[in-house]
Amino acid sequence: MIPTIREAVPDDLPQVHRMLALLNRQPGDIPLMSLEALHHQTFDLDQARIWVAAEPEGLVGCALVLRRRNRVTGRIGHELIQIFVDEWRRHAGIGRALVAAAQARARAEAADFRMADAHPARTGPGSAERTTGPEDSTPPGPQLRIALG
């Protein structure tokens, strides 16, 4: 059963921060963002959106999306840069549901959408990006683009 997928609220951030720290133990990543900085970027500056997978016991997954303006076109783009699902809940469609929620929001805002964290060295976290139908956008790197329309 897939948990409730929704946008994060400030009270979710300690659990989100924990999940992002776990994710960033992967190859080459060093977790540096503080809980305060995560709150500031998400709720004060509106530079990030966080989607969470919530169950009655707590959060079991999250997706971090940055909002960035294209310096050429001026359009706002949504870039999914981190996605995490607790190990004991993986392979249940939660990652795909988080990606779908982020895509739907981008579509509703007529924003571009791309995923940038599907690093081939990742096992577990990151596999959702590789199973949601993305197409390579900038070979040979790990950045991917998904057409919304």
N, C-alpha and C. Protein backbone atom coordinates (compact mmCIF):
# COMPACT_ATOMS: atom_id res chain seq x y z
N MET A 1 0.84 -1.19 0.00
CA MET A 1 0.00 0.00 0.00
C MET A 1 0.88 1.24 0.00
N ILE A 2 0.58 2.17 -0.90
CA ILE A 2 1.36 3.40 -0.99
C ILE A 2 0.85 4.39 0.05
N PRO A 3 1.78 5.01 0.79
CA PRO A 3 1.37 6.00 1.80
C PRO A 3 0.83 7.27 1.14
N THR A 4 0.36 8.18 1.96
CA THR A 4 -0.11 9.47 1.47
C THR A 4 1.08 10.28 0.97
N ILE A 5 0.98 10.79 -0.25
CA ILE A 5 2.02 11.64 -0.83
C ILE A 5 1.51 13.07 -0.76
N ARG A 6 2.31 13.94 -0.16
CA ARG A 6 1.91 15.34 0.01
C ARG A 6 3.14 16.22 0.09
N GLU A 7 2.90 17.54 -0.02
CA GLU A 7 4.01 18.48 0.19
C GLU A 7 4.34 18.53 1.68
N ALA A 8 5.61 18.71 1.96
CA ALA A 8 6.07 18.77 3.35
C ALA A 8 5.58 20.05 4.03
N VAL A 9 5.42 19.94 5.33
CA VAL A 9 5.15 21.08 6.20
C VAL A 9 6.35 21.22 7.13
N PRO A 10 6.51 22.39 7.78
CA PRO A 10 7.69 22.58 8.62
C PRO A 10 7.93 21.48 9.65
N ASP A 11 6.88 20.91 10.22
CA ASP A 11 7.07 19.85 11.22
C ASP A 11 7.67 18.57 10.63
N ASP A 12 7.64 18.42 9.30
CA ASP A 12 8.22 17.24 8.65
C ASP A 12 9.73 17.33 8.52
N LEU A 13 10.29 18.53 8.64
CA LEU A 13 11.69 18.71 8.27
C LEU A 13 12.70 17.89 9.07
N PRO A 14 12.53 17.66 10.37
CA PRO A 14 13.51 16.79 11.03
C PRO A 14 13.59 15.39 10.41
N GLN A 15 12.44 14.81 10.06
CA GLN A 15 12.45 13.49 9.42
C GLN A 15 13.02 13.57 8.01
N VAL A 16 12.70 14.62 7.27
CA VAL A 16 13.24 14.80 5.93
C VAL A 16 14.76 14.95 6.01
N HIS A 17 15.23 15.76 6.93
CA HIS A 17 16.67 15.98 7.10
C HIS A 17 17.38 14.65 7.38
N ARG A 18 16.78 13.82 8.20
CA ARG A 18 17.36 12.50 8.50
C ARG A 18 17.46 11.66 7.24
N MET A 19 16.39 11.66 6.44
CA MET A 19 16.39 10.86 5.21
C MET A 19 17.43 11.37 4.22
N LEU A 20 17.54 12.69 4.08
CA LEU A 20 18.51 13.25 3.15
C LEU A 20 19.94 12.93 3.61
N ALA A 21 20.17 12.94 4.91
CA ALA A 21 21.50 12.58 5.43
C ALA A 21 21.81 11.12 5.12
N LEU A 22 20.82 10.23 5.25
CA LEU A 22 21.03 8.82 4.91
C LEU A 22 21.33 8.66 3.42
N LEU A 23 20.58 9.37 2.60
CA LEU A 23 20.79 9.30 1.16
C LEU A 23 22.19 9.78 0.80
N ASN A 24 22.62 10.83 1.44
CA ASN A 24 23.89 11.44 1.07
C ASN A 24 25.11 10.72 1.60
N ARG A 25 24.90 9.54 2.17
CA ARG A 25 26.04 8.69 2.49
C ARG A 25 26.48 7.92 1.27
N GLN A 26 25.80 8.11 0.15
CA GLN A 26 26.13 7.41 -1.09
C GLN A 26 27.44 7.96 -1.65
N PRO A 27 27.98 7.34 -2.67
CA PRO A 27 29.29 7.71 -3.22
C PRO A 27 29.40 9.18 -3.59
N GLY A 28 30.39 9.85 -3.04
CA GLY A 28 30.72 11.21 -3.44
C GLY A 28 29.89 12.31 -2.82
N ASP A 29 28.89 12.00 -2.03
CA ASP A 29 28.05 13.03 -1.43
C ASP A 29 28.42 13.26 0.02
N ILE A 30 28.47 14.52 0.41
CA ILE A 30 28.74 14.87 1.80
C ILE A 30 27.58 15.74 2.28
N PRO A 31 26.82 15.29 3.29
CA PRO A 31 25.68 16.08 3.75
C PRO A 31 26.15 17.32 4.51
N LEU A 32 25.83 18.48 3.97
CA LEU A 32 26.25 19.73 4.60
C LEU A 32 25.08 20.63 4.99
N MET A 33 23.91 20.46 4.40
CA MET A 33 22.81 21.37 4.65
C MET A 33 22.23 21.15 6.03
N SER A 34 22.14 22.23 6.77
CA SER A 34 21.56 22.16 8.12
C SER A 34 20.04 22.13 8.02
N LEU A 35 19.42 21.74 9.09
CA LEU A 35 17.96 21.75 9.18
C LEU A 35 17.43 23.17 8.98
N GLU A 36 18.11 24.14 9.56
CA GLU A 36 17.70 25.55 9.43
C GLU A 36 17.78 26.02 7.98
N ALA A 37 18.85 25.63 7.28
CA ALA A 37 19.00 26.03 5.88
C ALA A 37 17.93 25.37 5.01
N LEU A 38 17.61 24.12 5.30
CA LEU A 38 16.56 23.42 4.57
C LEU A 38 15.22 24.14 4.76
N HIS A 39 14.93 24.52 5.99
CA HIS A 39 13.69 25.27 6.27
C HIS A 39 13.69 26.61 5.53
N HIS A 40 14.79 27.33 5.59
CA HIS A 40 14.88 28.65 4.96
C HIS A 40 14.66 28.55 3.45
N GLN A 41 15.33 27.61 2.79
CA GLN A 41 15.18 27.48 1.34
C GLN A 41 13.78 27.04 0.95
N THR A 42 13.18 26.19 1.77
CA THR A 42 11.88 25.63 1.40
C THR A 42 10.73 26.56 1.73
N PHE A 43 10.71 27.10 2.93
CA PHE A 43 9.53 27.83 3.38
C PHE A 43 9.69 29.35 3.38
N ASP A 44 10.90 29.86 3.49
CA ASP A 44 11.10 31.30 3.50
C ASP A 44 11.35 31.84 2.09
N LEU A 45 12.23 31.17 1.34
CA LEU A 45 12.62 31.66 0.01
C LEU A 45 11.83 31.01 -1.12
N ASP A 46 11.10 29.93 -0.85
CA ASP A 46 10.36 29.18 -1.86
C ASP A 46 11.26 28.73 -3.00
N GLN A 47 12.51 28.35 -2.67
CA GLN A 47 13.44 27.85 -3.67
C GLN A 47 13.38 26.34 -3.81
N ALA A 48 12.72 25.69 -2.88
CA ALA A 48 12.65 24.23 -2.90
C ALA A 48 11.24 23.78 -2.53
N ARG A 49 10.91 22.62 -3.02
CA ARG A 49 9.67 21.95 -2.63
C ARG A 49 10.07 20.56 -2.17
N ILE A 50 9.42 20.10 -1.15
CA ILE A 50 9.70 18.76 -0.65
C ILE A 50 8.40 17.98 -0.65
N TRP A 51 8.43 16.82 -1.27
CA TRP A 51 7.30 15.90 -1.26
C TRP A 51 7.63 14.80 -0.28
N VAL A 52 6.65 14.38 0.50
CA VAL A 52 6.88 13.33 1.49
C VAL A 52 5.86 12.21 1.30
N ALA A 53 6.29 11.02 1.70
CA ALA A 53 5.42 9.85 1.74
C ALA A 53 5.14 9.61 3.22
N ALA A 54 3.90 9.84 3.63
CA ALA A 54 3.54 9.80 5.04
C ALA A 54 2.66 8.61 5.36
N GLU A 55 3.04 7.90 6.41
CA GLU A 55 2.24 6.83 6.98
C GLU A 55 1.90 7.23 8.42
N PRO A 56 0.94 6.57 9.05
CA PRO A 56 0.59 6.95 10.43
C PRO A 56 1.78 6.95 11.39
N GLU A 57 2.76 6.07 11.14
CA GLU A 57 3.93 5.98 12.02
C GLU A 57 4.96 7.06 11.75
N GLY A 58 4.87 7.73 10.62
CA GLY A 58 5.85 8.76 10.25
C GLY A 58 6.14 8.74 8.77
N LEU A 59 7.14 9.50 8.37
CA LEU A 59 7.51 9.60 6.97
C LEU A 59 8.39 8.42 6.57
N VAL A 60 8.17 7.92 5.37
CA VAL A 60 8.96 6.80 4.86
C VAL A 60 9.70 7.16 3.57
N GLY A 61 9.50 8.37 3.07
CA GLY A 61 10.17 8.79 1.86
C GLY A 61 10.04 10.27 1.63
N CYS A 62 10.93 10.80 0.80
CA CYS A 62 10.86 12.21 0.45
C CYS A 62 11.52 12.45 -0.90
N ALA A 63 11.14 13.54 -1.52
CA ALA A 63 11.75 13.99 -2.77
C ALA A 63 11.98 15.49 -2.64
N LEU A 64 13.20 15.92 -2.93
CA LEU A 64 13.57 17.32 -2.86
C LEU A 64 13.64 17.89 -4.26
N VAL A 65 12.86 18.93 -4.52
CA VAL A 65 12.78 19.56 -5.82
C VAL A 65 13.21 21.02 -5.68
N LEU A 66 14.18 21.43 -6.47
CA LEU A 66 14.60 22.83 -6.48
C LEU A 66 13.85 23.57 -7.58
N ARG A 67 13.48 24.81 -7.28
CA ARG A 67 12.84 25.68 -8.27
C ARG A 67 13.91 26.61 -8.79
N ARG A 68 14.17 26.55 -10.09
CA ARG A 68 15.23 27.36 -10.69
C ARG A 68 14.72 28.06 -11.93
N ARG A 69 15.17 29.30 -12.09
CA ARG A 69 14.80 30.05 -13.28
C ARG A 69 15.83 29.80 -14.38
N ASN A 70 15.34 29.47 -15.57
CA ASN A 70 16.21 29.31 -16.72
C ASN A 70 16.72 30.69 -17.12
N ARG A 71 18.01 30.86 -17.14
CA ARG A 71 18.59 32.18 -17.41
C ARG A 71 18.44 32.61 -18.87
N VAL A 72 18.08 31.70 -19.74
CA VAL A 72 17.89 32.04 -21.14
C VAL A 72 16.43 32.35 -21.42
N THR A 73 15.53 31.44 -21.02
CA THR A 73 14.11 31.59 -21.34
C THR A 73 13.34 32.36 -20.28
N GLY A 74 13.87 32.40 -19.06
CA GLY A 74 13.16 33.05 -17.96
C GLY A 74 12.12 32.17 -17.30
N ARG A 75 11.89 30.98 -17.85
CA ARG A 75 10.90 30.06 -17.27
C ARG A 75 11.41 29.44 -15.98
N ILE A 76 10.48 29.14 -15.10
CA ILE A 76 10.84 28.43 -13.87
C ILE A 76 10.89 26.94 -14.20
N GLY A 77 11.89 26.28 -13.68
CA GLY A 77 12.02 24.84 -13.84
C GLY A 77 12.02 24.17 -12.48
N HIS A 78 11.52 22.96 -12.44
CA HIS A 78 11.55 22.15 -11.23
C HIS A 78 12.56 21.04 -11.48
N GLU A 79 13.54 20.92 -10.60
CA GLU A 79 14.57 19.90 -10.75
C GLU A 79 14.58 19.00 -9.53
N LEU A 80 14.20 17.76 -9.73
CA LEU A 80 14.22 16.79 -8.65
C LEU A 80 15.68 16.39 -8.43
N ILE A 81 16.23 16.75 -7.28
CA ILE A 81 17.65 16.49 -7.06
C ILE A 81 17.92 15.38 -6.05
N GLN A 82 16.96 15.06 -5.21
CA GLN A 82 17.14 14.00 -4.22
C GLN A 82 15.82 13.26 -4.05
N ILE A 83 15.91 11.95 -3.94
CA ILE A 83 14.73 11.15 -3.62
C ILE A 83 15.19 10.00 -2.73
N PHE A 84 14.39 9.75 -1.70
CA PHE A 84 14.77 8.72 -0.74
C PHE A 84 13.52 8.00 -0.26
N VAL A 85 13.64 6.68 -0.12
CA VAL A 85 12.60 5.86 0.49
C VAL A 85 13.30 4.95 1.49
N ASP A 86 12.75 4.88 2.70
CA ASP A 86 13.34 4.00 3.71
C ASP A 86 13.50 2.59 3.15
N GLU A 87 14.60 1.97 3.49
CA GLU A 87 14.95 0.67 2.91
C GLU A 87 13.84 -0.37 3.07
N TRP A 88 13.21 -0.41 4.21
CA TRP A 88 12.18 -1.42 4.46
C TRP A 88 10.90 -1.17 3.67
N ARG A 89 10.78 0.00 2.99
CA ARG A 89 9.58 0.31 2.20
C ARG A 89 9.88 0.40 0.70
N ARG A 90 11.11 0.08 0.30
CA ARG A 90 11.46 0.17 -1.11
C ARG A 90 10.76 -0.92 -1.92
N HIS A 91 10.67 -0.69 -3.21
CA HIS A 91 10.06 -1.62 -4.18
C HIS A 91 8.54 -1.73 -3.97
N ALA A 92 7.94 -0.67 -3.43
CA ALA A 92 6.49 -0.65 -3.23
C ALA A 92 5.83 0.46 -4.03
N GLY A 93 6.58 1.12 -4.91
CA GLY A 93 6.02 2.18 -5.74
C GLY A 93 6.05 3.56 -5.11
N ILE A 94 6.65 3.69 -3.93
CA ILE A 94 6.67 4.98 -3.24
C ILE A 94 7.52 5.99 -3.99
N GLY A 95 8.69 5.58 -4.45
CA GLY A 95 9.54 6.50 -5.22
C GLY A 95 8.84 7.01 -6.46
N ARG A 96 8.21 6.11 -7.18
CA ARG A 96 7.47 6.52 -8.39
C ARG A 96 6.33 7.47 -8.02
N ALA A 97 5.65 7.25 -6.89
CA ALA A 97 4.57 8.14 -6.47
C ALA A 97 5.10 9.53 -6.11
N LEU A 98 6.27 9.59 -5.48
CA LEU A 98 6.89 10.89 -5.16
C LEU A 98 7.25 11.63 -6.44
N VAL A 99 7.83 10.93 -7.41
CA VAL A 99 8.18 11.55 -8.69
C VAL A 99 6.92 12.04 -9.39
N ALA A 100 5.87 11.25 -9.39
CA ALA A 100 4.61 11.63 -10.05
C ALA A 100 4.02 12.88 -9.42
N ALA A 101 4.09 13.00 -8.09
CA ALA A 101 3.57 14.19 -7.41
C ALA A 101 4.36 15.43 -7.81
N ALA A 102 5.68 15.30 -7.88
CA ALA A 102 6.53 16.42 -8.28
C ALA A 102 6.25 16.81 -9.73
N GLN A 103 6.07 15.81 -10.59
CA GLN A 103 5.75 16.09 -11.99
C GLN A 103 4.40 16.80 -12.12
N ALA A 104 3.41 16.36 -11.37
CA ALA A 104 2.09 16.97 -11.44
C ALA A 104 2.14 18.44 -11.04
N ARG A 105 2.91 18.75 -10.00
CA ARG A 105 3.03 20.14 -9.57
C ARG A 105 3.72 20.98 -10.65
N ALA A 106 4.77 20.44 -11.24
CA ALA A 106 5.45 21.16 -12.32
C ALA A 106 4.50 21.40 -13.49
N ARG A 107 3.75 20.38 -13.84
CA ARG A 107 2.78 20.50 -14.93
C ARG A 107 1.75 21.57 -14.61
N ALA A 108 1.25 21.59 -13.38
CA ALA A 108 0.24 22.58 -12.97
C ALA A 108 0.79 24.00 -13.03
N GLU A 109 2.08 24.14 -12.82
CA GLU A 109 2.71 25.47 -12.86
C GLU A 109 3.33 25.77 -14.23
N ALA A 110 3.08 24.91 -15.22
CA ALA A 110 3.65 25.05 -16.56
C ALA A 110 5.16 25.21 -16.49
N ALA A 111 5.78 24.48 -15.58
CA ALA A 111 7.24 24.54 -15.39
C ALA A 111 7.89 23.36 -16.10
N ASP A 112 9.14 23.56 -16.46
CA ASP A 112 9.94 22.45 -16.97
C ASP A 112 10.22 21.51 -15.80
N PHE A 113 10.45 20.24 -16.09
CA PHE A 113 10.76 19.27 -15.04
C PHE A 113 11.92 18.41 -15.47
N ARG A 114 12.86 18.22 -14.56
CA ARG A 114 13.95 17.30 -14.84
C ARG A 114 14.42 16.65 -13.56
N MET A 115 15.09 15.54 -13.72
CA MET A 115 15.61 14.79 -12.59
C MET A 115 17.11 14.72 -12.73
N ALA A 116 17.81 15.02 -11.65
CA ALA A 116 19.26 15.13 -11.75
C ALA A 116 20.01 14.22 -10.79
N ASP A 117 19.34 13.27 -10.14
CA ASP A 117 20.04 12.51 -9.11
C ASP A 117 20.08 11.01 -9.38
N ALA A 118 19.88 10.60 -10.59
CA ALA A 118 19.87 9.17 -10.89
C ALA A 118 21.29 8.70 -11.19
N HIS A 119 22.15 8.81 -10.24
CA HIS A 119 23.55 8.43 -10.42
C HIS A 119 23.65 6.92 -10.56
N PRO A 120 24.36 6.42 -11.57
CA PRO A 120 24.42 4.98 -11.80
C PRO A 120 25.04 4.20 -10.64
N ALA A 121 25.85 4.84 -9.80
CA ALA A 121 26.49 4.14 -8.68
C ALA A 121 25.53 3.91 -7.53
N ARG A 122 24.39 4.57 -7.55
CA ARG A 122 23.44 4.42 -6.46
C ARG A 122 22.70 3.10 -6.57
N THR A 123 22.52 2.46 -5.44
CA THR A 123 21.67 1.27 -5.39
C THR A 123 20.56 1.61 -4.41
N GLY A 124 19.38 1.16 -4.68
CA GLY A 124 18.25 1.52 -3.81
C GLY A 124 17.83 2.94 -4.12
N PRO A 125 18.27 3.94 -3.31
CA PRO A 125 17.89 5.32 -3.61
C PRO A 125 18.39 5.68 -5.00
N GLY A 126 17.54 6.31 -5.75
CA GLY A 126 17.90 6.69 -7.11
C GLY A 126 17.32 5.75 -8.15
N SER A 127 16.94 4.56 -7.74
CA SER A 127 16.40 3.63 -8.72
C SER A 127 15.03 4.07 -9.21
N ALA A 128 14.29 4.82 -8.41
CA ALA A 128 12.98 5.30 -8.85
C ALA A 128 13.11 6.20 -10.06
N GLU A 129 14.17 7.03 -10.08
CA GLU A 129 14.36 7.91 -11.22
C GLU A 129 14.58 7.10 -12.48
N ARG A 130 15.26 5.97 -12.37
CA ARG A 130 15.58 5.18 -13.55
C ARG A 130 14.42 4.31 -14.01
N THR A 131 13.33 4.25 -13.25
CA THR A 131 12.21 3.39 -13.63
C THR A 131 10.94 4.17 -13.95
N THR A 132 11.02 5.50 -14.08
CA THR A 132 9.83 6.29 -14.33
C THR A 132 9.75 6.81 -15.76
N GLY A 133 10.57 6.26 -16.65
CA GLY A 133 10.47 6.62 -18.05
C GLY A 133 11.28 7.83 -18.47
N PRO A 134 12.36 8.19 -17.75
CA PRO A 134 13.12 9.35 -18.21
C PRO A 134 13.95 9.02 -19.44
N GLU A 135 14.31 10.06 -20.14
CA GLU A 135 15.20 9.88 -21.28
C GLU A 135 16.47 10.66 -21.01
N ASP A 136 17.59 10.16 -21.50
CA ASP A 136 18.85 10.87 -21.31
C ASP A 136 18.76 12.23 -21.95
N SER A 137 19.27 13.25 -21.23
CA SER A 137 19.22 14.60 -21.78
C SER A 137 20.60 15.18 -22.04
N THR A 138 21.60 14.76 -21.31
CA THR A 138 22.94 15.30 -21.48
C THR A 138 23.97 14.19 -21.33
N PRO A 139 24.03 13.26 -22.29
CA PRO A 139 25.00 12.18 -22.17
C PRO A 139 26.41 12.74 -22.04
N PRO A 140 27.30 12.11 -21.31
CA PRO A 140 27.15 10.82 -20.69
C PRO A 140 26.80 10.91 -19.21
N GLY A 141 26.49 12.08 -18.68
CA GLY A 141 26.25 12.26 -17.25
C GLY A 141 24.96 11.66 -16.77
N PRO A 142 24.73 11.73 -15.46
CA PRO A 142 23.55 11.10 -14.87
C PRO A 142 22.29 11.96 -14.91
N GLN A 143 22.31 13.15 -15.51
CA GLN A 143 21.12 13.99 -15.52
C GLN A 143 20.11 13.48 -16.53
N LEU A 144 18.83 13.53 -16.15
CA LEU A 144 17.76 13.01 -16.99
C LEU A 144 16.67 14.06 -17.16
N ARG A 145 15.89 13.92 -18.22
CA ARG A 145 14.77 14.82 -18.48
C ARG A 145 13.54 13.97 -18.74
N ILE A 146 12.39 14.41 -18.25
CA ILE A 146 11.14 13.69 -18.48
C ILE A 146 10.16 14.65 -19.17
N ALA A 147 9.63 14.23 -20.28
CA ALA A 147 8.64 15.04 -20.98
C ALA A 147 7.32 14.96 -20.23
N LEU A 148 6.67 16.10 -20.02
CA LEU A 148 5.41 16.13 -19.28
C LEU A 148 4.20 16.23 -20.19
N GLY A 149 4.38 16.63 -21.40
CA GLY A 149 3.21 16.85 -22.23
C GLY A 149 3.15 15.95 -23.34
